[in-house]
Protein backbone atom coordinates (compact mmCIF):
# COMPACT_ATOMS: atom_id res chain seq x y z
CA MET A 1 13.47 4.97 37.81
CA ALA A 2 14.01 3.90 34.17
CA GLN A 3 13.12 6.44 31.52
CA PRO A 4 10.31 5.42 29.12
CA LYS A 5 11.47 4.28 25.71
CA ARG A 6 11.15 6.86 22.92
CA LEU A 7 9.62 5.74 19.63
CA LEU A 8 9.98 7.94 16.56
CA VAL A 9 7.36 7.52 13.83
CA ILE A 10 8.36 9.01 10.47
CA VAL A 11 6.38 9.55 7.25
CA ALA A 12 7.66 11.65 4.33
CA GLY A 13 6.46 10.58 0.86
CA GLY A 14 2.78 9.79 0.43
CA GLY A 15 -0.19 11.20 2.30
CA TYR A 16 -2.17 10.65 5.47
CA THR A 17 -3.07 7.10 4.48
CA ASN A 18 0.63 6.29 4.88
CA ALA A 19 0.62 7.75 8.39
CA ALA A 20 -2.67 6.41 9.76
CA PRO A 21 -1.58 2.77 10.37
CA LEU A 22 1.68 3.90 12.01
CA LEU A 23 -0.20 6.25 14.32
CA GLU A 24 -2.59 3.43 15.24
CA LEU A 25 0.36 1.20 16.22
CA SER A 26 1.91 4.14 18.09
CA SER A 27 -1.24 4.60 20.17
CA ILE A 28 -0.89 1.01 21.41
CA LEU A 29 2.78 1.56 22.23
CA ALA A 30 1.88 4.78 24.05
CA ASN A 31 -0.54 2.79 26.22
CA ARG A 32 2.38 0.50 27.04
CA GLY A 33 4.38 3.43 28.34
CA TYR A 34 6.39 4.55 25.30
CA MET A 35 6.97 8.22 24.48
CA ILE A 36 5.90 8.87 20.90
CA ASP A 37 7.53 11.43 18.60
CA PHE A 38 6.30 12.02 15.07
CA ALA A 39 8.42 13.30 12.17
CA THR A 40 7.13 14.43 8.79
CA LEU A 41 7.35 17.21 6.22
CA ALA A 42 6.03 20.71 6.90
CA GLY A 43 2.35 21.44 6.43
CA ARG A 44 1.08 18.16 7.91
CA GLN A 45 0.55 19.17 11.53
CA GLN A 46 -3.20 18.55 11.18
CA TRP A 47 -2.51 14.82 10.97
CA LEU A 48 -1.98 14.82 14.73
CA SER A 49 -5.24 16.59 15.62
CA ASN A 50 -6.63 13.38 17.14
CA CYS A 51 -3.33 11.99 18.45
CA PRO A 52 -2.86 13.28 22.02
CA PHE A 53 -0.38 10.46 22.65
CA VAL A 54 2.22 12.13 20.37
CA SER A 55 4.55 14.11 22.62
CA ARG A 56 6.62 15.95 20.00
CA LEU A 57 6.39 16.82 16.32
CA HIS A 58 9.59 17.12 14.27
CA ILE A 59 9.64 18.74 10.82
CA VAL A 60 12.19 16.93 8.65
CA GLY A 61 11.73 18.77 5.37
CA PRO A 62 9.76 21.52 3.63
CA ALA A 63 6.23 21.03 2.38
CA ILE A 64 5.90 19.78 -1.18
CA PRO A 65 4.55 22.68 -3.31
CA LYS A 66 0.87 22.12 -4.09
CA GLU A 67 1.35 22.64 -7.82
CA HIS A 68 4.21 20.13 -7.90
CA GLU A 69 2.14 17.61 -5.95
CA GLU A 70 -0.85 17.95 -8.27
CA GLU A 71 1.31 17.76 -11.38
CA SER A 72 2.98 14.59 -10.11
CA TYR A 73 -0.27 12.85 -9.20
CA GLU A 74 -1.82 13.84 -12.51
CA ARG A 75 1.15 12.24 -14.29
CA MET A 76 0.76 9.10 -12.16
CA SER A 77 -2.94 8.96 -13.00
CA GLN A 78 -1.96 8.56 -16.68
CA TRP A 79 -0.35 5.22 -15.83
CA ALA A 80 -1.52 2.57 -18.31
CA THR A 81 -2.85 -0.18 -16.05
CA ASN A 82 -2.95 -2.75 -18.86
CA SER A 83 0.63 -2.24 -20.10
CA ILE A 84 3.91 -3.93 -19.16
CA CYS A 85 6.01 -0.92 -20.25
CA ASN A 86 4.98 1.95 -17.97
CA TRP A 87 8.49 2.52 -16.76
CA SER A 88 8.90 6.22 -17.52
CA THR A 89 5.75 6.92 -15.45
CA VAL A 90 6.83 4.49 -12.73
CA PHE A 91 10.25 6.04 -12.22
CA ALA A 92 8.93 9.60 -12.47
CA ALA A 93 6.57 8.71 -9.63
CA LYS A 94 9.40 7.19 -7.61
CA LYS A 95 11.46 10.36 -8.03
CA TYR A 96 8.58 12.46 -6.79
CA LEU A 97 7.93 10.24 -3.76
CA GLU A 98 11.65 10.08 -2.90
CA SER A 99 12.53 13.69 -3.66
CA SER A 100 12.61 14.65 0.04
CA TRP A 101 15.37 12.10 0.81
CA HIS A 102 18.18 14.63 1.33
CA TYR A 103 16.10 16.78 3.70
CA VAL A 104 14.94 13.78 5.70
CA TYR A 105 18.43 12.27 5.81
CA HIS A 106 19.98 15.48 7.16
CA ASP A 107 17.26 16.31 9.70
CA LEU A 108 16.81 12.73 10.90
CA THR A 109 20.57 12.47 11.44
CA GLN A 110 20.41 15.57 13.65
CA LEU A 111 17.57 14.05 15.68
CA VAL A 112 19.51 10.84 16.19
CA LEU A 113 22.74 12.60 17.17
CA ASP A 114 21.05 14.82 19.78
CA PRO A 115 20.72 12.90 23.11
CA ALA A 116 17.56 14.87 23.88
CA THR A 117 15.77 13.59 20.76
CA ARG A 118 17.57 10.32 19.94
CA PRO A 119 14.90 7.61 19.64
CA ASP A 120 15.25 4.13 21.06
CA PHE A 121 13.37 2.77 18.03
CA ILE A 122 12.16 4.15 14.69
CA LEU A 123 8.93 3.05 12.98
CA ALA A 124 9.00 4.24 9.37
CA ASP A 125 6.81 4.28 6.31
CA TYR A 126 8.28 2.20 3.49
CA LEU A 127 8.90 5.29 1.34
CA VAL A 128 11.40 6.76 3.82
CA ASP A 129 14.64 5.14 2.61
CA ALA A 130 16.67 7.68 4.59
CA VAL A 131 15.76 5.71 7.72
CA ARG A 132 17.78 2.74 6.48
CA ASP A 133 20.79 5.01 5.96
CA VAL A 134 20.57 6.79 9.31
CA CYS A 135 19.88 3.64 11.34
CA PHE A 136 22.80 1.85 9.67
CA GLU A 137 25.16 4.75 10.34
CA HIS A 138 24.10 5.39 13.94
CA ASP A 139 23.01 1.94 15.14
CA VAL A 140 19.32 2.55 15.81
CA PRO A 141 16.84 -0.37 15.63
CA PHE A 142 13.91 0.20 13.27
CA ALA A 143 10.92 -1.33 11.53
CA MET A 144 9.33 -0.41 8.23
CA HIS A 145 5.64 -0.52 7.43
CA TRP A 146 4.60 -1.69 3.96
CA PRO A 147 1.00 -1.60 2.69
CA GLN A 148 1.64 -4.85 0.79
CA MET A 149 4.37 -7.48 0.64
CA PRO A 150 7.60 -5.62 -0.23
CA THR A 151 7.97 -4.97 -3.93
CA GLY A 152 10.84 -6.78 -5.61
CA MET A 153 11.65 -8.95 -2.59
CA MET A 154 10.94 -12.51 -1.48
CA HIS A 155 10.71 -14.04 -4.93
CA ALA A 156 8.93 -17.37 -5.36
CA SER A 157 8.96 -19.68 -8.37
CA TYR A 158 5.14 -19.61 -8.51
CA ILE A 159 4.98 -15.78 -8.57
CA PRO A 160 5.80 -14.74 -12.14
CA GLY A 161 8.13 -11.82 -12.69
CA ILE A 162 8.95 -9.30 -9.97
CA PRO A 163 6.79 -9.59 -6.81
CA GLY A 164 4.54 -6.57 -6.58
CA LEU A 165 4.92 -5.63 -10.26
CA GLN A 166 2.85 -8.34 -11.92
CA VAL A 167 0.40 -7.64 -14.69
CA GLU A 168 -2.84 -9.60 -15.17
CA VAL A 169 -1.95 -12.40 -12.73
CA LEU A 170 -0.64 -12.63 -9.18
CA THR A 171 0.54 -16.25 -9.31
CA SER A 172 1.25 -18.85 -11.98
CA GLU A 173 -1.49 -21.20 -10.73
CA PHE A 174 -4.03 -20.40 -13.45
CA ALA A 175 -1.82 -18.24 -15.66
CA THR A 176 -1.18 -19.09 -19.28
CA LEU A 177 2.32 -19.53 -20.63
CA TRP A 178 1.96 -16.17 -22.39
CA GLN A 179 0.99 -14.37 -19.13
CA ARG A 180 3.92 -15.91 -17.29
CA LEU A 181 6.27 -14.92 -20.11
CA ARG A 182 4.99 -11.32 -20.13
CA ASN A 183 5.66 -11.03 -16.41
CA ALA A 184 9.07 -12.67 -16.69
CA VAL A 185 10.35 -10.29 -19.39
CA ARG A 186 8.70 -7.16 -18.03
CA ILE A 187 11.60 -6.08 -15.84
CA TYR A 188 14.04 -6.16 -18.77
CA THR A 189 12.03 -3.46 -20.55
CA ALA A 190 12.80 -1.15 -17.60
CA LEU A 191 16.58 -1.12 -18.09
CA PRO A 192 17.00 2.38 -19.66
CA ASN A 193 14.66 3.99 -17.12
CA LEU A 194 16.21 2.03 -14.25
CA LEU A 195 19.73 3.15 -15.13
CA GLU A 196 18.63 6.78 -15.39
CA TYR A 197 16.81 6.51 -12.03
CA GLN A 198 19.84 4.95 -10.34
CA HIS A 199 22.00 7.79 -11.65
CA TRP A 200 19.51 10.30 -10.22
CA VAL A 201 19.54 8.54 -6.83
CA LYS A 202 23.35 8.41 -6.82
CA GLN A 203 23.63 12.14 -7.48
CA MET A 204 21.05 12.97 -4.81
CA ARG A 205 22.90 10.87 -2.24
CA GLN A 206 26.31 12.22 -3.15
CA SER A 207 25.02 15.78 -2.80
CA ALA A 208 24.32 14.90 0.85
CA GLY A 209 27.78 13.38 1.30
CA VAL A 210 26.60 9.76 1.11
CA PHE A 211 28.71 7.80 -1.37
CA ARG A 212 27.56 4.25 -0.68
CA GLN A 213 24.40 2.85 -2.24
CA LEU A 214 21.62 1.08 -0.40
CA PRO A 215 21.77 -2.60 -1.35
CA LEU A 216 18.98 -4.21 -3.36
CA LEU A 217 17.69 -6.79 -0.92
CA PRO A 218 16.31 -10.23 -1.87
CA ARG A 219 14.44 -10.03 1.45
CA PRO A 220 14.17 -7.31 4.13
CA ASP A 221 17.07 -7.03 6.59
CA TYR A 222 14.82 -5.16 9.04
CA LEU A 223 11.55 -5.86 10.81
CA CYS A 224 8.96 -5.55 8.05
CA LEU A 225 5.33 -5.03 9.08
CA VAL A 226 2.93 -5.66 6.19
CA ASN A 227 -0.48 -4.04 6.49
CA SER A 228 -2.29 -6.87 4.72
CA PHE A 229 -3.28 -10.50 5.27
CA PHE A 230 -3.27 -13.86 3.49
CA ALA A 231 -6.76 -13.79 2.08
CA LEU A 232 -5.76 -10.87 -0.14
CA GLU A 233 -2.02 -11.42 -0.45
CA ALA A 234 -1.03 -14.48 -2.45
CA ALA A 235 0.19 -16.96 0.15
CA LYS A 236 3.95 -17.51 0.15
CA GLU A 237 6.76 -18.37 2.52
CA ILE A 238 8.09 -15.36 4.40
CA PRO A 239 11.06 -15.06 6.78
CA PRO A 240 10.46 -14.51 10.51
CA ASN A 241 11.28 -10.78 10.30
CA VAL A 242 8.37 -10.20 7.89
CA ALA A 243 4.88 -10.28 9.40
CA ALA A 244 1.43 -9.77 7.88
CA ILE A 245 -0.16 -7.60 10.58
CA GLY A 246 -3.06 -5.96 8.73
CA PRO A 247 -5.60 -4.63 8.33
CA VAL A 248 -4.40 -2.02 10.84
CA LEU A 249 -7.52 -0.04 11.72
CA ALA A 250 -8.96 1.71 14.75
CA ASP A 251 -11.12 -0.57 16.88
CA ASN A 252 -14.17 1.70 16.80
CA VAL A 253 -16.08 2.98 13.77
CA ASP A 254 -17.50 6.47 14.15
CA LYS A 255 -21.25 6.95 14.03
CA LEU A 256 -22.55 8.31 10.73
CA THR A 257 -24.04 11.78 11.11
CA GLY A 258 -24.99 14.88 9.11
CA PRO A 259 -26.11 14.76 5.48
CA PHE A 260 -24.89 11.19 5.03
CA SER A 261 -27.12 9.83 7.78
CA SER A 262 -30.11 11.77 6.44
CA PHE A 263 -29.45 10.63 2.88
CA LEU A 264 -29.35 6.95 3.85
CA LYS A 265 -32.45 7.07 6.06
CA SER A 266 -34.98 6.05 3.39
CA ARG A 267 -32.68 3.96 1.16
CA SER A 268 -31.48 0.35 1.08
CA ARG A 269 -29.26 -0.10 -2.02
CA VAL A 270 -26.83 2.81 -2.10
CA LEU A 271 -23.71 2.97 -4.25
CA TYR A 272 -20.68 4.68 -2.71
CA ILE A 273 -17.97 6.12 -5.00
CA ALA A 274 -14.59 7.24 -3.67
CA LEU A 275 -11.51 7.32 -5.87
CA GLY A 276 -8.95 8.65 -3.40
CA THR A 277 -7.56 12.08 -2.64
CA HIS A 278 -4.73 11.99 -5.16
CA VAL A 279 -6.20 10.03 -8.09
CA LEU A 280 -6.83 12.50 -10.92
CA PHE A 281 -8.71 10.69 -13.64
CA PRO A 282 -9.42 12.63 -16.84
CA HIS A 283 -12.92 13.97 -17.39
CA ARG A 284 -13.75 11.19 -19.88
CA VAL A 285 -13.27 8.45 -17.28
CA LEU A 286 -15.31 10.21 -14.60
CA ALA A 287 -18.06 11.11 -17.09
CA ASP A 288 -18.40 7.47 -18.19
CA LEU A 289 -18.32 6.34 -14.57
CA LEU A 290 -21.09 8.76 -13.59
CA SER A 291 -23.19 8.01 -16.67
CA GLY A 292 -23.05 4.30 -15.88
CA THR A 293 -23.98 4.76 -12.23
CA ILE A 294 -26.84 7.17 -13.01
CA THR A 295 -28.19 4.69 -15.57
CA ALA A 296 -28.20 2.02 -12.83
CA LEU A 297 -30.00 4.47 -10.52
CA ARG A 298 -32.63 5.31 -13.12
CA ALA A 299 -33.25 1.60 -13.75
CA GLY A 300 -33.87 1.00 -10.03
CA ILE A 301 -30.85 -1.30 -9.64
CA ILE A 302 -29.63 1.03 -6.89
CA ASP A 303 -31.64 3.68 -5.06
CA GLY A 304 -28.98 6.25 -4.24
CA ILE A 305 -25.42 7.38 -4.95
CA ILE A 306 -22.89 8.95 -2.58
CA TRP A 307 -19.91 10.37 -4.46
CA ALA A 308 -16.88 11.68 -2.58
CA VAL A 309 -14.81 13.76 -4.98
CA SER A 310 -11.81 15.79 -3.87
CA PRO A 311 -11.31 19.45 -4.82
CA LYS A 312 -8.33 18.46 -6.97
CA ALA A 313 -10.43 15.94 -8.90
CA ARG A 314 -13.24 18.49 -9.32
CA ARG A 315 -10.87 20.84 -11.11
CA LYS A 316 -10.38 18.21 -13.84
CA LEU A 317 -14.08 18.09 -14.62
CA ASP A 318 -16.01 19.87 -17.34
CA THR A 319 -18.93 20.95 -15.18
CA SER A 320 -21.01 21.91 -18.21
CA ALA A 321 -20.99 18.31 -19.48
CA LEU A 322 -24.37 16.58 -19.78
CA LEU A 323 -25.21 13.34 -17.97
CA PRO A 324 -28.28 11.07 -18.07
CA SER A 325 -31.17 12.12 -15.88
CA PRO A 326 -31.56 10.15 -12.63
CA THR A 327 -35.27 9.73 -13.51
CA TYR A 328 -36.93 8.54 -16.69
CA SER A 329 -39.17 11.61 -16.78
CA GLY A 330 -36.33 14.14 -16.58
CA ASN A 331 -34.02 15.67 -19.15
CA GLU A 332 -30.26 15.38 -19.16
CA ILE A 333 -28.51 17.05 -16.22
CA THR A 334 -25.28 19.00 -16.04
CA LEU A 335 -22.32 17.83 -14.00
CA SER A 336 -22.36 21.14 -12.12
CA SER A 337 -25.90 20.47 -10.87
CA LEU A 338 -24.68 17.12 -9.59
CA LEU A 339 -21.82 18.75 -7.69
CA GLU A 340 -24.26 21.28 -6.24
CA ASN A 341 -26.46 18.46 -4.86
CA LYS A 342 -29.55 19.44 -6.85
CA HIS A 343 -30.69 15.83 -7.30
CA PRO A 344 -32.22 14.15 -4.23
CA SER A 345 -30.97 10.65 -5.09
CA ILE A 346 -27.34 11.71 -5.47
CA LEU A 347 -25.20 13.16 -2.67
CA THR A 348 -21.78 14.60 -3.51
CA ALA A 349 -19.19 15.75 -0.99
CA LYS A 350 -15.58 16.92 -0.99
CA PHE A 351 -14.96 14.56 1.91
CA ALA A 352 -16.91 11.59 3.21
CA PRO A 353 -16.38 9.54 6.40
CA GLN A 354 -15.52 6.37 4.53
CA ARG A 355 -15.47 3.71 7.27
CA PRO A 356 -18.89 4.66 8.71
CA ILE A 357 -20.38 4.72 5.20
CA LEU A 358 -18.94 1.32 4.29
CA HIS A 359 -20.20 -0.21 7.55
CA ASP A 360 -23.74 1.07 7.00
CA PRO A 361 -25.96 -1.87 5.90
CA ARG A 362 -27.84 0.39 3.46
CA VAL A 363 -24.68 0.81 1.37
CA ALA A 364 -24.60 -2.10 -1.07
CA VAL A 365 -21.55 -1.61 -3.28
CA PHE A 366 -18.35 0.44 -3.34
CA ILE A 367 -16.61 1.80 -6.46
CA SER A 368 -12.99 2.30 -5.45
CA HIS A 369 -9.54 3.03 -6.85
CA ALA A 370 -8.34 0.11 -4.67
CA GLY A 371 -5.91 2.14 -2.60
CA ALA A 372 -4.37 0.33 0.37
CA SER A 373 -6.62 1.94 3.00
CA SER A 374 -9.79 1.63 0.93
CA THR A 375 -9.04 -2.03 0.22
CA ASN A 376 -8.60 -2.85 3.91
CA GLU A 377 -11.63 -0.82 4.94
CA ALA A 378 -13.83 -2.48 2.32
CA VAL A 379 -12.96 -6.06 3.24
CA VAL A 380 -13.35 -5.40 6.97
CA ALA A 381 -16.75 -3.77 6.34
CA GLY A 382 -17.81 -6.75 4.23
CA ILE A 383 -18.87 -4.86 1.12
CA PRO A 384 -18.38 -5.91 -2.53
CA VAL A 385 -16.16 -3.66 -4.60
CA ILE A 386 -15.98 -2.45 -8.19
CA THR A 387 -12.35 -1.53 -8.74
CA LEU A 388 -10.99 1.20 -11.00
CA PRO A 389 -7.25 1.44 -10.23
CA ALA A 390 -5.02 4.29 -11.39
CA TYR A 391 -1.41 3.51 -10.47
CA PHE A 392 1.13 1.77 -8.22
CA ASP A 393 -0.22 -0.71 -5.66
CA GLN A 394 -3.81 0.07 -6.67
CA ILE A 395 -3.28 -2.18 -9.70
CA GLN A 396 -2.07 -5.03 -7.50
CA ASN A 397 -4.83 -4.46 -4.94
CA ALA A 398 -7.45 -4.63 -7.68
CA MET A 399 -6.04 -8.01 -8.74
CA ARG A 400 -6.01 -9.17 -5.10
CA LEU A 401 -9.66 -8.23 -4.64
CA ARG A 402 -10.51 -9.90 -7.96
CA ASP A 403 -8.73 -13.13 -7.05
CA ALA A 404 -10.33 -13.11 -3.60
CA GLY A 405 -13.69 -13.16 -5.41
CA VAL A 406 -15.06 -9.99 -3.78
CA SER A 407 -14.91 -7.53 -6.68
CA VAL A 408 -15.70 -6.76 -10.29
CA PRO A 409 -12.65 -5.18 -11.97
CA LEU A 410 -12.81 -2.31 -14.46
CA GLN A 411 -9.98 -0.63 -16.40
CA LYS A 412 -9.79 3.09 -16.98
CA GLU A 413 -8.33 2.65 -20.49
CA THR A 414 -11.34 0.70 -21.77
CA LEU A 415 -14.04 2.02 -19.44
CA SER A 416 -17.50 2.70 -20.84
CA ALA A 417 -20.75 3.69 -19.17
CA SER A 418 -22.27 0.33 -20.07
CA ASP A 419 -19.36 -1.45 -18.33
CA VAL A 420 -20.14 0.44 -15.13
CA THR A 421 -23.86 -0.33 -15.30
CA ALA A 422 -23.12 -4.01 -15.99
CA ALA A 423 -20.73 -4.22 -13.02
CA ILE A 424 -23.29 -2.67 -10.66
CA THR A 425 -26.00 -4.98 -12.00
CA ARG A 426 -23.78 -8.01 -11.50
CA ILE A 427 -23.06 -7.10 -7.87
CA LEU A 428 -26.69 -6.33 -7.01
CA ASP A 429 -27.92 -9.53 -8.69
CA ASP A 430 -25.36 -11.47 -6.67
CA ILE A 431 -26.55 -9.81 -3.45
CA ARG A 432 -30.19 -10.71 -4.21
CA SER A 433 -29.33 -14.34 -5.01
CA ASP A 434 -26.71 -14.65 -2.26
CA GLY A 435 -24.25 -15.72 -4.95
CA PRO A 436 -20.52 -16.41 -5.04
CA VAL A 437 -19.44 -12.78 -4.64
CA MET A 438 -21.31 -12.43 -1.36
CA ALA A 439 -20.07 -15.84 -0.20
CA ASN A 440 -16.51 -14.60 -0.72
CA VAL A 441 -17.29 -11.21 0.82
CA ARG A 442 -18.38 -12.95 4.04
CA ARG A 443 -15.37 -15.30 3.89
CA VAL A 444 -12.78 -12.55 3.42
CA CYS A 445 -14.54 -10.24 5.88
CA GLY A 446 -14.41 -12.91 8.58
CA ILE A 447 -10.70 -13.50 8.01
CA ALA A 448 -9.98 -9.76 7.86
CA ARG A 449 -11.76 -9.03 11.13
CA ILE A 450 -9.70 -11.70 12.91
CA ALA A 451 -6.55 -10.36 11.22
CA THR A 452 -7.19 -6.85 12.59
CA HIS A 453 -6.07 -8.17 15.99
CA ARG A 454 -2.58 -8.65 14.60
CA LYS A 455 -1.77 -4.99 15.09
CA TYR A 456 -0.99 -6.11 18.65
CA LEU A 457 1.39 -8.70 17.18
CA ALA A 458 3.10 -5.83 15.32
CA VAL A 459 3.62 -3.97 18.58
CA ASP A 460 4.88 -7.16 20.28
CA LEU A 461 7.40 -7.64 17.47
CA ILE A 462 8.62 -4.06 17.82
CA GLU A 463 9.22 -4.67 21.52
CA GLU A 464 10.93 -7.99 20.76
CA VAL A 465 13.32 -6.39 18.30
CA LEU A 466 14.12 -3.59 20.73
CA ILE A 467 14.93 -6.06 23.52
CA ASP A 468 17.02 -8.16 21.15
CA TRP A 469 18.91 -5.08 19.93
CA GLN A 470 19.66 -3.95 23.48
CA GLY A 471 21.08 -7.35 24.33
CA ARG A 472 23.22 -7.52 21.21
CA GLN A 473 24.46 -4.00 21.82
CA ARG A 474 25.54 -5.01 25.33
CA GLU A 475 27.35 -8.03 23.88
CA ARG A 476 29.30 -5.74 21.56
CA GLN A 477 30.19 -3.47 24.46
CA LEU A 478 31.59 -6.50 26.30
CA GLY A 479 33.76 -7.36 23.31
CA VAL A 480 32.07 -10.58 22.24
CA GLU A 481 34.07 -11.81 19.25
CA ARG A 482 31.31 -13.15 17.02
CA PRO A 483 28.49 -10.63 16.33
CA ARG A 484 24.97 -11.92 16.78
CA GLY A 485 22.32 -11.15 14.15
CA MET A 486 18.77 -10.00 14.80
CA HIS A 487 16.85 -12.89 16.35
CA LEU A 488 14.18 -12.80 13.64
CA GLU A 489 16.65 -12.76 10.73
CA THR A 490 17.58 -16.14 9.27
CA ALA A 491 21.27 -17.07 9.24
CA GLU A 492 21.09 -17.36 5.44
CA ALA A 493 20.70 -13.57 5.17
CA ARG A 494 24.10 -13.07 6.81
CA MET A 495 25.99 -15.76 4.86
CA PRO A 496 27.57 -15.78 1.40
CA ARG A 497 25.29 -17.46 -1.11
CA TRP A 498 27.69 -20.35 -1.78
CA LYS A 499 27.63 -21.27 1.90
CA ALA A 500 23.91 -20.71 2.42
CA ARG A 501 23.15 -22.92 -0.61
CA ASN A 502 25.77 -25.54 0.37
CA TRP A 503 27.46 -25.30 -3.00
CA ASP A 504 30.82 -26.14 -1.42
CA LEU A 505 29.35 -29.21 0.27
CA PHE A 506 27.74 -30.30 -2.98
CA GLY A 507 31.05 -29.84 -4.78
CA PHE A 508 32.87 -31.80 -2.10
CA MET A 509 30.48 -34.75 -2.57
CA VAL A 510 30.34 -34.59 -6.36
CA ALA A 511 34.11 -34.20 -6.93
CA PRO A 512 35.01 -37.82 -5.97
CA VAL A 513 32.27 -39.17 -8.21
CA LEU A 514 33.53 -37.12 -11.13
CA LEU A 515 37.11 -38.20 -10.37
CA VAL A 516 36.16 -41.90 -10.37
CA ALA A 517 34.20 -41.43 -13.59
CA ALA A 518 37.16 -39.71 -15.25
CA ILE A 519 39.56 -42.47 -14.19
CA THR A 520 37.15 -45.16 -15.40
CA MET A 521 36.77 -43.52 -18.80
CA THR A 522 40.55 -43.17 -19.11
CA LEU A 523 41.16 -46.84 -18.29
CA PHE A 524 38.45 -48.41 -20.43
CA PHE A 525 38.11 -46.02 -23.31
C-alpha cells in the first residue's frame, strides 16, 4: 500500500496571521490523505492548539526574544506612510524578519536529508527564503504563500514604480504625471540602504556555508499562492504558476459569546477598533483616535465602541491622559478608566474574536491597520473600513481598500481627532443613505465570498505540481536528454531574454533592409 504524501508547512518570520492561511490549506490536504508536519520557531506551539491534523511539530530555530521583537515592531511603527524615502526603516524591518534564516536553513536541511522526515512537498510563508535554498539544493517541490501579489515581481507598464512598493497610487490609470514620476524614481533612493542590506545578507549566507545568492526574479519560479483576489488587487496579467486564491478563511464563523455578545445586545451602530497585535502607534496617535471616536459616540453617530488593544500597545499609552466624556453631561475621563471598562458604552479587551464581531450586523464600521488578515476578514464580512496603516503591506492594503471604494483612509502622520469623527460620520451617513460606499461594500463582499472557494484551487494546484514534479523526476532518472520545466512555468522563464523576446529573429529580418538601404545610399549619394 502506498504511503501517504508528507506535506511540510513552514513559517518563521511574522506571526500567527502568517500561519493561519497555510494551516487552513493544510487541513484540506489532510482530508485528502496527506500527512501534515509543521515547522516554526520555538515558542509557537500554541498555534497548533486547534490543528489536530498536524502530525508532527519541528522547531527550526530559537524563539525571537520578546524585547527584540517589541523593539523591532516599534521601529516599524515609525514608518512614514506618506514618504517615498523610508528605506532605512524598510531594510531594518527586512533584517528583523529574515534574521532567522541561518537557523531555518540548517534545521530545514536536516529535515530534508533525513528519510524519516523528508517531505514530499513544502508549503512555505513568503518570508522563509531558506526554503528556496533548501529545495533548490535537495530537489524538493514547493509553493510559497504571499498575502499580496509578490513585491518587486511581475512588472506592468501601467503599474508605476516597483509593484508592491507604490505610494499614493496603485496604477497609472488616474495618476498624475507627478505621482507616476515619484513612483518611478523611488527605488533609486534606496540604493545605499539596498547595498548595505545585500552585504548583510551575503555575510549571513556565507556564515552558513552558502556562497551563491538567490536570484532577483522578474516573476516567481515556484508555485505562488496569493491570498488575495482581483477586486482588491489591481488586475494584471499573471503567469500560470501564480494564482490568486484568497481570501483563505475557515468556512465557519464562531458564534459570538461572553462580554462581546452582551455588549452588542442593545446596540445597532457599534464601532470596532483593532490595530493588530504588533502595531505600536505612539500615544499621540491613539489618543487622537480615541478622542475622535468618543466624540462620535457622544454625538449619537455611533452607539458603542469595542476596542481590542494588545498588551504591547497598552504599554505605550499614558493611562493618566484625559479624553472627552462619552456623554454630554459627564466630565473628561482618563484613559485608564477606559481600559478598566468603567464606561458602559465602551468595551475594551486585550483580545477580541474579530471574525464573529465583524459578521455581527450590529457592528457598523471597522477602524483597522489594514493588515492582510483584517483586510480579508473585513471584505468577506461586508463591513466598511476606516484605515490607519502603519507599515509594509498595510500601506498597500489601505490603498486597495480605498480604490475598491469600501473605506475612508486616514494617515497616522496627519491624524487628528476631528479627522476620525469626520470619517465615522461619512461612513454612517453613507449607511443611512445606502450610498456609494455601501454599494461597493456589497459588490466587493460578493466577489470575496465567491473567491473564498479558491482555497480548494490552491490545494488542487499543490497536487498538480507534486504530480508534475514526480513525472519530471522519473524522466531524469531515465536519462531523458532535454529537461522538462514545471508545467505551470512559461517557457520564457527558462530562456535567455534575447531568445524569449525574439531579438535574434528581429535582427535577422531587419539586417537585409539595413543592408539594402546602405547600398542604395552608397550608389545614389
